Amino acid sequence: MQTKTQKIKDLRKRLDELENVKLKDALAKYGDAFQESGAAWNENAAWELADEEVSVLRAMVAEVKKEIRNLEHPLGAQVSSDKISK
């Protein structure tokens, strides 16, 4: 079983990979697809796929950050979930 410290370390590594590698690549593809599409960007399948990929990666980044925050501050996470459920 992983220790809390190891889990946080692994999550931070994953976060770094998501933000600094995958998200940057996706944003570059998004920009390229947008530039190539010209005025018809809303009808361009490559642009739509790149847009979706960026959205998914941003959601993944947010989820990893939330998981790290919950591990680092478990009482804060409990208070937040208590507020939501009331």
Protein backbone atom coordinates (compact mmCIF):
# COMPACT_ATOMS: atom_id res chain seq x y z
CA MET A 1 0.00 0.00 0.00
CA GLN A 2 1.24 3.47 -0.87
CA THR A 3 1.95 5.94 1.85
CA LYS A 4 0.23 9.32 1.80
CA THR A 5 3.56 11.01 1.00
CA GLN A 6 4.24 8.65 -1.91
CA LYS A 7 0.71 9.12 -3.24
CA ILE A 8 1.13 12.92 -3.17
CA LYS A 9 4.51 12.61 -4.88
CA ASP A 10 3.00 10.41 -7.61
CA LEU A 11 0.08 12.80 -8.07
CA ARG A 12 2.42 15.80 -8.35
CA LYS A 13 4.43 13.94 -11.00
CA ARG A 14 1.22 13.15 -12.89
CA LEU A 15 0.08 16.77 -12.57
CA ASP A 16 3.39 18.01 -13.96
CA GLU A 17 3.11 15.61 -16.91
CA LEU A 18 -0.48 16.66 -17.57
CA GLU A 19 0.20 20.39 -17.38
CA ASN A 20 3.64 20.66 -18.91
CA VAL A 21 3.52 17.95 -21.56
CA LYS A 22 0.06 16.80 -22.53
CA LEU A 23 -1.82 20.08 -22.07
CA LYS A 24 0.88 22.07 -23.86
CA ASP A 25 0.79 19.61 -26.78
CA ALA A 26 -3.00 19.76 -26.89
CA LEU A 27 -2.97 23.55 -26.84
CA ALA A 28 -0.42 23.58 -29.66
CA LYS A 29 -2.63 21.25 -31.73
CA TYR A 30 -5.62 23.43 -30.87
CA GLY A 31 -3.79 26.54 -32.10
CA ASP A 32 -2.60 24.81 -35.27
CA ALA A 33 -6.07 23.49 -36.06
CA PHE A 34 -7.57 26.91 -35.44
CA GLN A 35 -5.02 28.60 -37.72
CA GLU A 36 -5.52 26.02 -40.47
CA SER A 37 -9.30 26.26 -40.32
CA GLY A 38 -9.44 29.96 -41.20
CA ALA A 39 -12.95 31.37 -41.13
CA ALA A 40 -14.58 27.93 -41.01
CA TRP A 41 -13.21 27.03 -37.56
CA ASN A 42 -16.64 26.04 -36.28
CA GLU A 43 -16.95 23.44 -39.08
CA ASN A 44 -13.46 22.00 -38.69
CA ALA A 45 -13.31 18.49 -37.21
CA ALA A 46 -9.61 18.78 -36.27
CA TRP A 47 -10.32 21.95 -34.32
CA GLU A 48 -13.29 20.35 -32.56
CA LEU A 49 -11.18 17.32 -31.57
CA ALA A 50 -8.37 19.54 -30.29
CA ASP A 51 -10.90 21.63 -28.35
CA GLU A 52 -12.35 18.49 -26.76
CA GLU A 53 -8.87 17.18 -25.88
CA VAL A 54 -7.98 20.46 -24.16
CA SER A 55 -11.23 20.36 -22.18
CA VAL A 56 -10.63 16.77 -21.06
CA LEU A 57 -7.04 17.51 -20.02
CA ARG A 58 -8.11 20.59 -18.06
CA ALA A 59 -10.69 18.48 -16.23
CA MET A 60 -8.03 15.87 -15.46
CA VAL A 61 -5.67 18.57 -14.14
CA ALA A 62 -8.45 19.93 -11.90
CA GLU A 63 -9.21 16.43 -10.59
CA VAL A 64 -5.55 15.69 -9.76
CA LYS A 65 -5.20 19.07 -8.02
CA LYS A 66 -8.33 18.32 -5.99
CA GLU A 67 -6.99 14.91 -5.00
CA ILE A 68 -3.65 16.43 -3.92
CA ARG A 69 -5.46 19.12 -1.92
CA ASN A 70 -7.64 16.49 -0.23
CA LEU A 71 -4.58 14.44 0.74
CA GLU A 72 -2.66 17.45 2.01
CA HIS A 73 -5.59 18.99 3.88
CA PRO A 74 -8.02 16.19 4.75
CA LEU A 75 -9.96 18.28 7.27
CA GLY A 76 -10.45 21.05 4.72
CA ALA A 77 -11.79 18.51 2.26
CA GLN A 78 -14.23 17.21 4.86
CA VAL A 79 -15.44 20.72 5.68
CA SER A 80 -15.95 21.45 1.97
CA SER A 81 -17.94 18.27 1.41
CA ASP A 82 -20.02 18.98 4.53
CA LYS A 83 -20.89 22.43 3.17
CA ILE A 84 -21.88 20.94 -0.17
CA SER A 85 -24.14 18.29 1.36
CA LYS A 86 -26.05 20.79 3.54
